[in-house]
Amino acid sequence: MSAFTVQPNLQEQLDQFKQQRAQANPEIFALRQRETEKLIATGIAEQSFHTGNTAPDFTLPDAYGKMVNLSGLLKNGSVVLAFYRGEGCPYCNLMLRAYQAIMPELTALGATLIAVSPQLPDFAAAMISKADLTFPVLSDVGNHVARRYRLLFTLPESLRSYSANIPQSNGDDSWELPMPGTFVIQPDGLIRLAFVPADYTQRLEPAAILDALR
């Protein structure tokens, strides 16, 4: 028997929350669904990085101003790199909490977990506090790293009034967000597992991350 606890299914949690949203406000939910289907139809997710590609290196500040370098982390083992939309995204909150729950397993496997969003450091710090995170949460202000990973899209005008104040949290008026891509990166920089959904309600299961690391 594993020394670690059995992890709940993340997608089940996401689907339950999605159903609650649909019941609470069917019209707004339907609008979000239509816009998500349009984004999926563009094929944007297929343009990102895949298994076997080399992960672009980067250096970003964490919530407290410390600079974190991907290639530096890879010297110590594999890295799990999770992009998220922001502290105001409830699906992101569920994802990061689920990833926090497997920190003992990640540590035992010699891996480092880092999360990246376009939000300013103060909002990254709020995310850490809200979800009790113990791993680095980095600020990709201007979405420069997300652009290199080919994750960027612009939030449609039809959704902006129903979303968090993205210009305030990101420090610009672009309304650009990253798709919630998650990458398991080997010490040699090659991507062992890539999950890039155009549907922001879909996230990589913690169990899949652990399987890739094993």
N, C-alpha and C. Protein backbone atom coordinates (compact mmCIF):
# COMPACT_ATOMS: atom_id res chain seq x y z
N MET A 1 0.85 -1.20 0.00
CA MET A 1 0.00 0.00 0.00
C MET A 1 0.88 1.24 0.00
N SER A 2 0.46 2.28 -0.74
CA SER A 2 1.24 3.51 -0.82
C SER A 2 1.27 4.20 0.53
N ALA A 3 2.41 4.84 0.80
CA ALA A 3 2.53 5.62 2.04
C ALA A 3 1.77 6.93 1.94
N PHE A 4 1.31 7.25 0.73
CA PHE A 4 0.63 8.52 0.51
C PHE A 4 -0.88 8.32 0.40
N THR A 5 -1.61 9.37 0.64
CA THR A 5 -3.07 9.28 0.57
C THR A 5 -3.54 9.23 -0.87
N VAL A 6 -4.70 8.60 -1.08
CA VAL A 6 -5.29 8.54 -2.41
C VAL A 6 -5.86 9.91 -2.75
N GLN A 7 -5.51 10.40 -3.93
CA GLN A 7 -5.93 11.73 -4.33
C GLN A 7 -7.30 11.71 -5.01
N PRO A 8 -8.16 12.70 -4.72
CA PRO A 8 -9.45 12.77 -5.39
C PRO A 8 -9.27 13.11 -6.87
N ASN A 9 -10.27 12.78 -7.65
CA ASN A 9 -10.25 13.07 -9.08
C ASN A 9 -10.51 14.56 -9.29
N LEU A 10 -9.53 15.26 -9.83
CA LEU A 10 -9.65 16.70 -10.03
C LEU A 10 -10.76 17.04 -11.01
N GLN A 11 -10.84 16.31 -12.12
CA GLN A 11 -11.84 16.65 -13.12
C GLN A 11 -13.26 16.48 -12.59
N GLU A 12 -13.48 15.53 -11.69
CA GLU A 12 -14.79 15.40 -11.07
C GLU A 12 -15.15 16.66 -10.28
N GLN A 13 -14.17 17.19 -9.56
CA GLN A 13 -14.41 18.43 -8.81
C GLN A 13 -14.73 19.58 -9.76
N LEU A 14 -13.97 19.67 -10.85
CA LEU A 14 -14.18 20.73 -11.83
C LEU A 14 -15.55 20.62 -12.47
N ASP A 15 -15.95 19.40 -12.81
CA ASP A 15 -17.25 19.18 -13.45
C ASP A 15 -18.40 19.51 -12.50
N GLN A 16 -18.23 19.19 -11.23
CA GLN A 16 -19.26 19.52 -10.25
C GLN A 16 -19.43 21.02 -10.12
N PHE A 17 -18.30 21.73 -10.08
CA PHE A 17 -18.37 23.19 -10.00
C PHE A 17 -19.00 23.77 -11.27
N LYS A 18 -18.64 23.20 -12.40
CA LYS A 18 -19.18 23.65 -13.68
C LYS A 18 -20.70 23.48 -13.70
N GLN A 19 -21.19 22.37 -13.18
CA GLN A 19 -22.63 22.12 -13.13
C GLN A 19 -23.32 23.13 -12.21
N GLN A 20 -22.69 23.46 -11.11
CA GLN A 20 -23.25 24.46 -10.20
C GLN A 20 -23.38 25.81 -10.88
N ARG A 21 -22.36 26.17 -11.66
CA ARG A 21 -22.40 27.43 -12.39
C ARG A 21 -23.51 27.44 -13.43
N ALA A 22 -23.68 26.32 -14.09
CA ALA A 22 -24.72 26.20 -15.12
C ALA A 22 -26.10 26.38 -14.51
N GLN A 23 -26.29 25.83 -13.32
CA GLN A 23 -27.58 25.93 -12.65
C GLN A 23 -27.82 27.33 -12.08
N ALA A 24 -26.74 27.97 -11.63
CA ALA A 24 -26.87 29.28 -11.00
C ALA A 24 -27.20 30.37 -12.01
N ASN A 25 -26.61 30.30 -13.20
CA ASN A 25 -26.86 31.33 -14.22
C ASN A 25 -26.73 30.71 -15.60
N PRO A 26 -27.79 30.09 -16.09
CA PRO A 26 -27.74 29.36 -17.36
C PRO A 26 -27.33 30.22 -18.55
N GLU A 27 -27.75 31.48 -18.59
CA GLU A 27 -27.46 32.33 -19.75
C GLU A 27 -25.97 32.64 -19.84
N ILE A 28 -25.38 33.04 -18.73
CA ILE A 28 -23.94 33.35 -18.74
C ILE A 28 -23.13 32.09 -18.98
N PHE A 29 -23.58 30.97 -18.40
CA PHE A 29 -22.89 29.70 -18.62
C PHE A 29 -22.91 29.34 -20.10
N ALA A 30 -24.06 29.50 -20.74
CA ALA A 30 -24.18 29.19 -22.16
C ALA A 30 -23.28 30.08 -23.00
N LEU A 31 -23.17 31.35 -22.61
CA LEU A 31 -22.28 32.27 -23.33
C LEU A 31 -20.83 31.81 -23.20
N ARG A 32 -20.41 31.46 -22.01
CA ARG A 32 -19.05 30.98 -21.79
C ARG A 32 -18.79 29.71 -22.61
N GLN A 33 -19.76 28.84 -22.66
CA GLN A 33 -19.63 27.61 -23.43
C GLN A 33 -19.43 27.90 -24.91
N ARG A 34 -20.23 28.82 -25.44
CA ARG A 34 -20.12 29.17 -26.87
C ARG A 34 -18.74 29.74 -27.19
N GLU A 35 -18.25 30.62 -26.33
CA GLU A 35 -16.94 31.23 -26.58
C GLU A 35 -15.82 30.19 -26.45
N THR A 36 -15.98 29.28 -25.52
CA THR A 36 -14.98 28.21 -25.37
C THR A 36 -14.95 27.33 -26.60
N GLU A 37 -16.12 27.00 -27.13
CA GLU A 37 -16.20 26.17 -28.34
C GLU A 37 -15.55 26.88 -29.53
N LYS A 38 -15.71 28.19 -29.59
CA LYS A 38 -15.06 28.96 -30.67
C LYS A 38 -13.54 28.87 -30.55
N LEU A 39 -13.04 29.00 -29.32
CA LEU A 39 -11.59 28.94 -29.11
C LEU A 39 -11.06 27.56 -29.46
N ILE A 40 -11.77 26.52 -29.05
CA ILE A 40 -11.36 25.15 -29.39
C ILE A 40 -11.28 24.98 -30.90
N ALA A 41 -12.27 25.53 -31.61
CA ALA A 41 -12.35 25.37 -33.06
C ALA A 41 -11.19 26.03 -33.80
N THR A 42 -10.52 26.99 -33.17
CA THR A 42 -9.38 27.65 -33.84
C THR A 42 -8.17 26.73 -33.92
N GLY A 43 -8.15 25.66 -33.11
CA GLY A 43 -6.99 24.77 -33.09
C GLY A 43 -5.82 25.33 -32.32
N ILE A 44 -6.05 26.35 -31.50
CA ILE A 44 -4.96 27.03 -30.79
C ILE A 44 -4.18 26.09 -29.88
N ALA A 45 -4.87 25.13 -29.26
CA ALA A 45 -4.18 24.25 -28.32
C ALA A 45 -3.14 23.38 -29.02
N GLU A 46 -3.42 23.00 -30.26
CA GLU A 46 -2.50 22.14 -31.00
C GLU A 46 -1.21 22.87 -31.39
N GLN A 47 -1.23 24.20 -31.30
CA GLN A 47 -0.06 24.99 -31.70
C GLN A 47 0.95 25.13 -30.56
N SER A 48 0.59 24.70 -29.37
CA SER A 48 1.49 24.83 -28.23
C SER A 48 2.54 23.71 -28.25
N PHE A 49 3.30 23.60 -27.16
CA PHE A 49 4.36 22.59 -27.09
C PHE A 49 3.78 21.24 -26.71
N HIS A 50 4.43 20.18 -27.21
CA HIS A 50 3.95 18.82 -27.01
C HIS A 50 5.04 17.96 -26.40
N THR A 51 4.67 16.74 -26.05
CA THR A 51 5.63 15.78 -25.54
C THR A 51 6.78 15.59 -26.52
N GLY A 52 8.00 15.66 -26.02
CA GLY A 52 9.18 15.52 -26.86
C GLY A 52 9.81 16.83 -27.27
N ASN A 53 9.05 17.94 -27.17
CA ASN A 53 9.61 19.26 -27.47
C ASN A 53 10.52 19.71 -26.32
N THR A 54 11.41 20.65 -26.62
CA THR A 54 12.23 21.26 -25.58
C THR A 54 11.50 22.44 -24.97
N ALA A 55 11.40 22.45 -23.67
CA ALA A 55 10.70 23.54 -22.98
C ALA A 55 11.53 24.81 -23.02
N PRO A 56 10.96 25.94 -23.45
CA PRO A 56 11.70 27.20 -23.43
C PRO A 56 12.11 27.60 -22.01
N ASP A 57 13.33 28.03 -21.86
CA ASP A 57 13.82 28.47 -20.56
C ASP A 57 13.25 29.85 -20.25
N PHE A 58 13.19 30.19 -18.97
CA PHE A 58 12.71 31.51 -18.57
C PHE A 58 13.15 31.80 -17.15
N THR A 59 13.09 33.07 -16.80
CA THR A 59 13.32 33.53 -15.43
C THR A 59 12.19 34.49 -15.07
N LEU A 60 11.50 34.22 -13.97
CA LEU A 60 10.38 35.06 -13.54
C LEU A 60 10.45 35.28 -12.03
N PRO A 61 9.87 36.39 -11.55
CA PRO A 61 9.83 36.62 -10.11
C PRO A 61 8.69 35.85 -9.44
N ASP A 62 8.93 35.40 -8.22
CA ASP A 62 7.84 34.80 -7.46
C ASP A 62 7.05 35.91 -6.76
N ALA A 63 6.12 35.53 -5.92
CA ALA A 63 5.24 36.50 -5.27
C ALA A 63 5.99 37.45 -4.34
N TYR A 64 7.22 37.08 -3.98
CA TYR A 64 7.98 37.89 -3.02
C TYR A 64 9.21 38.53 -3.65
N GLY A 65 9.30 38.48 -4.97
CA GLY A 65 10.38 39.16 -5.68
C GLY A 65 11.60 38.31 -5.97
N LYS A 66 11.63 37.08 -5.51
CA LYS A 66 12.76 36.20 -5.78
C LYS A 66 12.68 35.70 -7.22
N MET A 67 13.80 35.76 -7.94
CA MET A 67 13.83 35.33 -9.33
C MET A 67 14.00 33.81 -9.39
N VAL A 68 13.17 33.19 -10.20
CA VAL A 68 13.18 31.73 -10.35
C VAL A 68 13.48 31.40 -11.81
N ASN A 69 14.49 30.55 -12.02
CA ASN A 69 14.94 30.19 -13.36
C ASN A 69 14.64 28.72 -13.63
N LEU A 70 13.97 28.43 -14.76
CA LEU A 70 13.59 27.06 -15.07
C LEU A 70 14.81 26.15 -15.19
N SER A 71 15.81 26.55 -15.98
CA SER A 71 16.96 25.67 -16.17
C SER A 71 17.71 25.44 -14.87
N GLY A 72 17.67 26.42 -13.97
CA GLY A 72 18.29 26.23 -12.66
C GLY A 72 17.56 25.18 -11.85
N LEU A 73 16.24 25.18 -11.91
CA LEU A 73 15.46 24.17 -11.19
C LEU A 73 15.69 22.78 -11.77
N LEU A 74 15.84 22.70 -13.09
CA LEU A 74 16.02 21.41 -13.74
C LEU A 74 17.33 20.73 -13.36
N LYS A 75 18.29 21.50 -12.86
CA LYS A 75 19.54 20.90 -12.40
C LYS A 75 19.31 19.98 -11.20
N ASN A 76 18.17 20.20 -10.52
CA ASN A 76 17.87 19.42 -9.32
C ASN A 76 16.86 18.31 -9.56
N GLY A 77 16.34 18.21 -10.80
CA GLY A 77 15.34 17.19 -11.09
C GLY A 77 14.27 17.71 -12.02
N SER A 78 13.24 16.91 -12.20
CA SER A 78 12.15 17.29 -13.10
C SER A 78 11.36 18.48 -12.53
N VAL A 79 10.68 19.18 -13.43
CA VAL A 79 9.86 20.33 -13.05
C VAL A 79 8.45 20.15 -13.61
N VAL A 80 7.47 20.39 -12.77
CA VAL A 80 6.07 20.45 -13.21
C VAL A 80 5.71 21.92 -13.32
N LEU A 81 5.42 22.35 -14.53
CA LEU A 81 5.14 23.76 -14.83
C LEU A 81 3.65 23.90 -15.15
N ALA A 82 2.93 24.63 -14.31
CA ALA A 82 1.48 24.78 -14.48
C ALA A 82 1.13 26.25 -14.72
N PHE A 83 0.61 26.55 -15.89
CA PHE A 83 0.10 27.89 -16.17
C PHE A 83 -1.36 27.97 -15.71
N TYR A 84 -1.72 29.10 -15.12
CA TYR A 84 -3.11 29.30 -14.73
C TYR A 84 -3.53 30.73 -15.06
N ARG A 85 -4.84 30.94 -15.15
CA ARG A 85 -5.37 32.22 -15.63
C ARG A 85 -5.24 33.33 -14.60
N GLY A 86 -5.46 32.99 -13.33
CA GLY A 86 -5.36 34.01 -12.31
C GLY A 86 -6.07 33.62 -11.03
N GLU A 87 -5.86 34.41 -10.02
CA GLU A 87 -6.38 34.17 -8.69
C GLU A 87 -7.91 34.22 -8.67
N GLY A 88 -8.52 34.94 -9.61
CA GLY A 88 -9.97 35.05 -9.66
C GLY A 88 -10.66 33.93 -10.41
N CYS A 89 -9.91 32.94 -10.91
CA CYS A 89 -10.47 31.83 -11.67
C CYS A 89 -10.71 30.65 -10.72
N PRO A 90 -11.98 30.29 -10.46
CA PRO A 90 -12.24 29.20 -9.51
C PRO A 90 -11.72 27.85 -9.98
N TYR A 91 -11.66 27.63 -11.28
CA TYR A 91 -11.12 26.37 -11.79
C TYR A 91 -9.61 26.29 -11.49
N CYS A 92 -8.95 27.43 -11.59
CA CYS A 92 -7.52 27.49 -11.26
C CYS A 92 -7.29 27.21 -9.78
N ASN A 93 -8.18 27.74 -8.94
CA ASN A 93 -8.08 27.50 -7.51
C ASN A 93 -8.17 26.01 -7.20
N LEU A 94 -9.13 25.34 -7.83
CA LEU A 94 -9.29 23.90 -7.62
C LEU A 94 -8.05 23.14 -8.10
N MET A 95 -7.52 23.55 -9.25
CA MET A 95 -6.35 22.88 -9.80
C MET A 95 -5.14 23.04 -8.87
N LEU A 96 -4.87 24.24 -8.44
CA LEU A 96 -3.68 24.48 -7.62
C LEU A 96 -3.80 23.79 -6.26
N ARG A 97 -5.00 23.74 -5.71
CA ARG A 97 -5.18 23.01 -4.46
C ARG A 97 -4.93 21.51 -4.66
N ALA A 98 -5.39 20.99 -5.79
CA ALA A 98 -5.18 19.57 -6.08
C ALA A 98 -3.69 19.27 -6.27
N TYR A 99 -2.96 20.20 -6.89
CA TYR A 99 -1.53 19.99 -7.08
C TYR A 99 -0.78 20.14 -5.76
N GLN A 100 -1.26 21.05 -4.92
CA GLN A 100 -0.66 21.19 -3.59
C GLN A 100 -0.79 19.88 -2.80
N ALA A 101 -1.89 19.19 -3.00
CA ALA A 101 -2.15 17.95 -2.26
C ALA A 101 -1.16 16.84 -2.58
N ILE A 102 -0.52 16.91 -3.76
CA ILE A 102 0.45 15.86 -4.11
C ILE A 102 1.90 16.31 -3.89
N MET A 103 2.09 17.39 -3.17
CA MET A 103 3.45 17.86 -2.90
C MET A 103 4.33 16.81 -2.24
N PRO A 104 3.83 16.01 -1.28
CA PRO A 104 4.70 14.96 -0.70
C PRO A 104 5.21 13.98 -1.75
N GLU A 105 4.31 13.58 -2.67
CA GLU A 105 4.70 12.65 -3.73
C GLU A 105 5.70 13.30 -4.69
N LEU A 106 5.44 14.55 -5.04
CA LEU A 106 6.36 15.27 -5.94
C LEU A 106 7.75 15.37 -5.32
N THR A 107 7.79 15.72 -4.05
CA THR A 107 9.08 15.84 -3.36
C THR A 107 9.80 14.50 -3.32
N ALA A 108 9.04 13.43 -3.05
CA ALA A 108 9.64 12.10 -3.00
C ALA A 108 10.21 11.68 -4.34
N LEU A 109 9.61 12.17 -5.42
CA LEU A 109 10.07 11.84 -6.77
C LEU A 109 11.14 12.82 -7.26
N GLY A 110 11.55 13.76 -6.41
CA GLY A 110 12.61 14.70 -6.76
C GLY A 110 12.18 15.78 -7.71
N ALA A 111 10.88 16.06 -7.77
CA ALA A 111 10.37 17.06 -8.72
C ALA A 111 10.04 18.37 -8.02
N THR A 112 10.06 19.44 -8.80
CA THR A 112 9.68 20.77 -8.32
C THR A 112 8.43 21.21 -9.05
N LEU A 113 7.49 21.79 -8.34
CA LEU A 113 6.27 22.33 -8.93
C LEU A 113 6.33 23.85 -8.92
N ILE A 114 6.03 24.47 -10.06
CA ILE A 114 5.91 25.93 -10.13
C ILE A 114 4.65 26.28 -10.91
N ALA A 115 3.97 27.34 -10.49
CA ALA A 115 2.78 27.82 -11.17
C ALA A 115 3.04 29.21 -11.72
N VAL A 116 2.50 29.50 -12.89
CA VAL A 116 2.75 30.78 -13.57
C VAL A 116 1.44 31.39 -14.02
N SER A 117 1.25 32.67 -13.73
CA SER A 117 0.09 33.41 -14.25
C SER A 117 0.56 34.80 -14.67
N PRO A 118 -0.25 35.52 -15.45
CA PRO A 118 0.13 36.87 -15.86
C PRO A 118 -0.13 37.91 -14.79
N GLN A 119 -0.56 37.51 -13.61
CA GLN A 119 -0.95 38.48 -12.60
C GLN A 119 0.26 39.11 -11.89
N LEU A 120 0.04 40.31 -11.40
CA LEU A 120 1.07 41.02 -10.65
C LEU A 120 1.38 40.26 -9.36
N PRO A 121 2.58 40.47 -8.81
CA PRO A 121 2.99 39.70 -7.62
C PRO A 121 2.02 39.76 -6.45
N ASP A 122 1.36 40.89 -6.22
CA ASP A 122 0.42 40.96 -5.11
C ASP A 122 -0.72 39.95 -5.27
N PHE A 123 -1.14 39.74 -6.50
CA PHE A 123 -2.22 38.78 -6.75
C PHE A 123 -1.69 37.35 -6.64
N ALA A 124 -0.44 37.14 -7.01
CA ALA A 124 0.18 35.83 -6.81
C ALA A 124 0.26 35.51 -5.32
N ALA A 125 0.60 36.51 -4.52
CA ALA A 125 0.65 36.32 -3.07
C ALA A 125 -0.73 35.99 -2.52
N ALA A 126 -1.77 36.63 -3.08
CA ALA A 126 -3.15 36.34 -2.66
C ALA A 126 -3.53 34.91 -2.99
N MET A 127 -3.05 34.42 -4.13
CA MET A 127 -3.32 33.05 -4.53
C MET A 127 -2.68 32.07 -3.55
N ILE A 128 -1.46 32.35 -3.16
CA ILE A 128 -0.74 31.51 -2.19
C ILE A 128 -1.51 31.44 -0.88
N SER A 129 -1.99 32.60 -0.41
CA SER A 129 -2.72 32.67 0.85
C SER A 129 -4.06 31.95 0.75
N LYS A 130 -4.76 32.17 -0.36
CA LYS A 130 -6.10 31.60 -0.53
C LYS A 130 -6.06 30.07 -0.55
N ALA A 131 -5.07 29.51 -1.25
CA ALA A 131 -5.02 28.06 -1.45
C ALA A 131 -3.98 27.37 -0.57
N ASP A 132 -3.34 28.12 0.34
CA ASP A 132 -2.32 27.55 1.24
C ASP A 132 -1.23 26.83 0.44
N LEU A 133 -0.68 27.51 -0.54
CA LEU A 133 0.30 26.89 -1.42
C LEU A 133 1.69 26.98 -0.82
N THR A 134 2.48 25.93 -1.04
CA THR A 134 3.86 25.92 -0.53
C THR A 134 4.88 25.89 -1.66
N PHE A 135 4.41 25.97 -2.91
CA PHE A 135 5.32 25.97 -4.05
C PHE A 135 5.36 27.37 -4.68
N PRO A 136 6.39 27.68 -5.47
CA PRO A 136 6.51 29.02 -6.04
C PRO A 136 5.39 29.36 -7.02
N VAL A 137 4.84 30.54 -6.87
CA VAL A 137 3.83 31.08 -7.79
C VAL A 137 4.45 32.30 -8.46
N LEU A 138 4.67 32.21 -9.77
CA LEU A 138 5.45 33.21 -10.49
C LEU A 138 4.56 34.16 -11.27
N SER A 139 5.06 35.38 -11.45
CA SER A 139 4.33 36.42 -12.17
C SER A 139 4.93 36.64 -13.55
N ASP A 140 4.16 36.27 -14.56
CA ASP A 140 4.56 36.46 -15.95
C ASP A 140 3.86 37.71 -16.49
N VAL A 141 4.22 38.85 -15.91
CA VAL A 141 3.56 40.11 -16.29
C VAL A 141 3.85 40.42 -17.76
N GLY A 142 2.81 40.67 -18.52
CA GLY A 142 2.95 40.87 -19.95
C GLY A 142 2.85 39.58 -20.74
N ASN A 143 2.71 38.46 -20.06
CA ASN A 143 2.53 37.15 -20.70
C ASN A 143 3.68 36.77 -21.65
N HIS A 144 4.88 37.22 -21.34
CA HIS A 144 6.01 36.94 -22.24
C HIS A 144 6.34 35.45 -22.29
N VAL A 145 6.29 34.78 -21.14
CA VAL A 145 6.59 33.35 -21.12
C VAL A 145 5.43 32.56 -21.72
N ALA A 146 4.22 32.91 -21.38
CA ALA A 146 3.05 32.23 -21.96
C ALA A 146 3.04 32.35 -23.47
N ARG A 147 3.51 33.50 -23.97
CA ARG A 147 3.58 33.69 -25.43
C ARG A 147 4.61 32.73 -26.03
N ARG A 148 5.74 32.55 -25.37
CA ARG A 148 6.77 31.64 -25.87
C ARG A 148 6.29 30.20 -25.85
N TYR A 149 5.41 29.87 -24.89
CA TYR A 149 4.85 28.53 -24.83
C TYR A 149 3.60 28.38 -25.71
N ARG A 150 3.26 29.43 -26.44
CA ARG A 150 2.14 29.43 -27.40
C ARG A 150 0.82 29.10 -26.72
N LEU A 151 0.59 29.78 -25.62
CA LEU A 151 -0.62 29.54 -24.84
C LEU A 151 -1.61 30.70 -24.88
N LEU A 152 -1.23 31.81 -25.46
CA LEU A 152 -2.01 33.03 -25.31
C LEU A 152 -3.25 33.10 -26.19
N PHE A 153 -4.30 33.67 -25.61
CA PHE A 153 -5.48 34.05 -26.37
C PHE A 153 -6.03 35.33 -25.73
N THR A 154 -6.89 36.02 -26.45
CA THR A 154 -7.48 37.25 -25.94
C THR A 154 -8.92 36.96 -25.51
N LEU A 155 -9.26 37.31 -24.30
CA LEU A 155 -10.61 37.08 -23.80
C LEU A 155 -11.61 37.89 -24.63
N PRO A 156 -12.64 37.25 -25.17
CA PRO A 156 -13.62 37.97 -26.01
C PRO A 156 -14.31 39.09 -25.24
N GLU A 157 -14.66 40.14 -25.94
CA GLU A 157 -15.35 41.27 -25.30
C GLU A 157 -16.65 40.83 -24.65
N SER A 158 -17.31 39.83 -25.22
CA SER A 158 -18.59 39.38 -24.69
C SER A 158 -18.49 38.82 -23.28
N LEU A 159 -17.27 38.41 -22.86
CA LEU A 159 -17.09 37.80 -21.54
C LEU A 159 -16.47 38.75 -20.52
N ARG A 160 -16.01 39.89 -20.96
CA ARG A 160 -15.21 40.74 -20.07
C ARG A 160 -15.99 41.28 -18.88
N SER A 161 -17.27 41.59 -19.09
CA SER A 161 -18.06 42.13 -17.99
C SER A 161 -18.43 41.06 -16.96
N TYR A 162 -18.25 39.78 -17.32
CA TYR A 162 -18.55 38.68 -16.41
C TYR A 162 -17.29 38.08 -15.80
N SER A 163 -16.15 38.68 -16.06
CA SER A 163 -14.88 38.15 -15.59
C SER A 163 -14.29 39.04 -14.50
N ALA A 164 -13.27 38.53 -13.85
CA ALA A 164 -12.53 39.34 -12.89
C ALA A 164 -11.89 40.52 -13.60
N ASN A 165 -11.48 41.52 -12.83
CA ASN A 165 -10.87 42.72 -13.41
C ASN A 165 -9.45 42.38 -13.88
N ILE A 166 -9.35 41.81 -15.06
CA ILE A 166 -8.07 41.34 -15.57
C ILE A 166 -7.07 42.47 -15.79
N PRO A 167 -7.47 43.61 -16.37
CA PRO A 167 -6.49 44.70 -16.51
C PRO A 167 -5.89 45.13 -15.17
N GLN A 168 -6.69 45.13 -14.13
CA GLN A 168 -6.17 45.51 -12.81
C GLN A 168 -5.18 44.48 -12.28
N SER A 169 -5.54 43.19 -12.38
CA SER A 169 -4.68 42.16 -11.81
C SER A 169 -3.43 41.90 -12.64
N ASN A 170 -3.53 42.13 -13.97
CA ASN A 170 -2.40 41.86 -14.85
C ASN A 170 -1.56 43.09 -15.15
N GLY A 171 -2.09 44.25 -14.85
CA GLY A 171 -1.32 45.48 -15.05
C GLY A 171 -1.26 45.95 -16.49
N ASP A 172 -2.17 45.47 -17.34
CA ASP A 172 -2.25 45.97 -18.72
C ASP A 172 -3.68 45.81 -19.23
N ASP A 173 -3.96 46.39 -20.39
CA ASP A 173 -5.31 46.38 -20.95
C ASP A 173 -5.46 45.40 -22.10
N SER A 174 -4.58 44.42 -22.20
CA SER A 174 -4.60 43.52 -23.35
C SER A 174 -5.72 42.48 -23.28
N TRP A 175 -6.18 42.15 -22.06
CA TRP A 175 -7.15 41.08 -21.85
C TRP A 175 -6.62 39.74 -22.37
N GLU A 176 -5.31 39.59 -22.38
CA GLU A 176 -4.71 38.31 -22.80
C GLU A 176 -4.59 37.38 -21.60
N LEU A 177 -4.87 36.11 -21.84
CA LEU A 177 -4.77 35.08 -20.82
C LEU A 177 -4.08 33.85 -21.40
N PRO A 178 -3.44 33.06 -20.56
CA PRO A 178 -2.88 31.80 -21.05
C PRO A 178 -3.91 30.67 -20.94
N MET A 179 -3.89 29.76 -21.89
CA MET A 179 -4.59 28.51 -21.69
C MET A 179 -3.91 27.80 -20.52
N PRO A 180 -4.66 27.03 -19.73
CA PRO A 180 -4.07 26.41 -18.53
C PRO A 180 -3.22 25.19 -18.86
N GLY A 181 -2.12 25.42 -19.54
CA GLY A 181 -1.22 24.33 -19.90
C GLY A 181 -0.41 23.85 -18.72
N THR A 182 -0.24 22.53 -18.63
CA THR A 182 0.62 21.93 -17.62
C THR A 182 1.64 21.05 -18.30
N PHE A 183 2.91 21.20 -17.92
CA PHE A 183 4.01 20.49 -18.57
C PHE A 183 4.86 19.79 -17.52
N VAL A 184 5.15 18.52 -17.74
CA VAL A 184 6.12 17.79 -16.92
C VAL A 184 7.42 17.78 -17.72
N ILE A 185 8.44 18.43 -17.17
CA ILE A 185 9.69 18.66 -17.90
C ILE A 185 10.82 17.86 -17.27
N GLN A 186 11.52 17.08 -18.08
CA GLN A 186 12.64 16.27 -17.62
C GLN A 186 13.84 17.15 -17.30
N PRO A 187 14.80 16.64 -16.53
CA PRO A 187 16.00 17.43 -16.23
C PRO A 187 16.77 17.89 -17.46
N ASP A 188 16.66 17.15 -18.59
CA ASP A 188 17.35 17.57 -19.81
C ASP A 188 16.56 18.61 -20.59
N GLY A 189 15.43 19.07 -20.05
CA GLY A 189 14.65 20.12 -20.70
C GLY A 189 13.58 19.63 -21.65
N LEU A 190 13.54 18.32 -21.92
CA LEU A 190 12.52 17.78 -22.80
C LEU A 190 11.20 17.63 -22.04
N ILE A 191 10.10 17.89 -22.74
CA ILE A 191 8.78 17.77 -22.14
C ILE A 191 8.35 16.30 -22.19
N ARG A 192 8.14 15.72 -21.02
CA ARG A 192 7.72 14.32 -20.92
C ARG A 192 6.20 14.20 -21.09
N LEU A 193 5.48 15.20 -20.59
CA LEU A 193 4.02 15.20 -20.69
C LEU A 193 3.54 16.63 -20.85
N ALA A 194 2.65 16.86 -21.81
CA ALA A 194 2.06 18.18 -22.03
C ALA A 194 0.55 18.04 -22.08
N PHE A 195 -0.14 18.93 -21.37
CA PHE A 195 -1.60 18.97 -21.39
C PHE A 195 -2.01 20.42 -21.58
N VAL A 196 -2.53 20.75 -22.75
CA VAL A 196 -2.88 22.13 -23.08
C VAL A 196 -4.33 22.16 -23.58
N PRO A 197 -5.28 22.42 -22.70
CA PRO A 197 -6.68 22.47 -23.11
C PRO A 197 -7.12 23.88 -23.49
N ALA A 198 -7.82 23.99 -24.59
CA ALA A 198 -8.43 25.28 -24.94
C ALA A 198 -9.66 25.52 -24.06
N ASP A 199 -10.20 24.45 -23.50
CA ASP A 199 -11.32 24.54 -22.57
C ASP A 199 -10.76 24.73 -21.17
N TYR A 200 -10.95 25.91 -20.59
CA TYR A 200 -10.32 26.23 -19.31
C TYR A 200 -10.92 25.44 -18.14
N THR A 201 -11.98 24.69 -18.37
CA THR A 201 -12.55 23.86 -17.31
C THR A 201 -11.93 22.47 -17.27
N GLN A 202 -10.98 22.21 -18.16
CA GLN A 202 -10.26 20.94 -18.19
C GLN A 202 -8.85 21.14 -17.65
N ARG A 203 -8.41 20.26 -16.77
CA ARG A 203 -7.07 20.36 -16.20
C ARG A 203 -6.42 18.98 -16.11
N LEU A 204 -5.11 18.96 -16.04
CA LEU A 204 -4.37 17.70 -15.95
C LEU A 204 -4.53 17.09 -14.56
N GLU A 205 -4.87 15.81 -14.54
CA GLU A 205 -5.05 15.11 -13.27
C GLU A 205 -3.72 15.00 -12.51
N PRO A 206 -3.74 15.19 -11.20
CA PRO A 206 -2.54 14.96 -10.39
C PRO A 206 -1.94 13.58 -10.60
N ALA A 207 -2.80 12.56 -10.74
CA ALA A 207 -2.30 11.20 -10.93
C ALA A 207 -1.50 11.08 -12.22
N ALA A 208 -1.91 11.81 -13.27
CA ALA A 208 -1.19 11.76 -14.53
C ALA A 208 0.20 12.39 -14.39
N ILE A 209 0.28 13.44 -13.59
CA ILE A 209 1.59 14.07 -13.34
C ILE A 209 2.52 13.07 -12.65
N LEU A 210 2.01 12.41 -11.63
CA LEU A 210 2.84 11.46 -10.89
C LEU A 210 3.25 10.28 -11.76
N ASP A 211 2.33 9.82 -12.61
CA ASP A 211 2.67 8.71 -13.52
C ASP A 211 3.80 9.12 -14.46
N ALA A 212 3.75 10.35 -14.96
CA ALA A 212 4.79 10.82 -15.88
C ALA A 212 6.14 10.92 -15.17
N LEU A 213 6.13 11.35 -13.93
CA LEU A 213 7.37 11.48 -13.18
C LEU A 213 7.98 10.12 -12.82
N ARG A 214 7.12 9.12 -12.63
CA ARG A 214 7.61 7.79 -12.30
C ARG A 214 8.23 7.10 -13.50
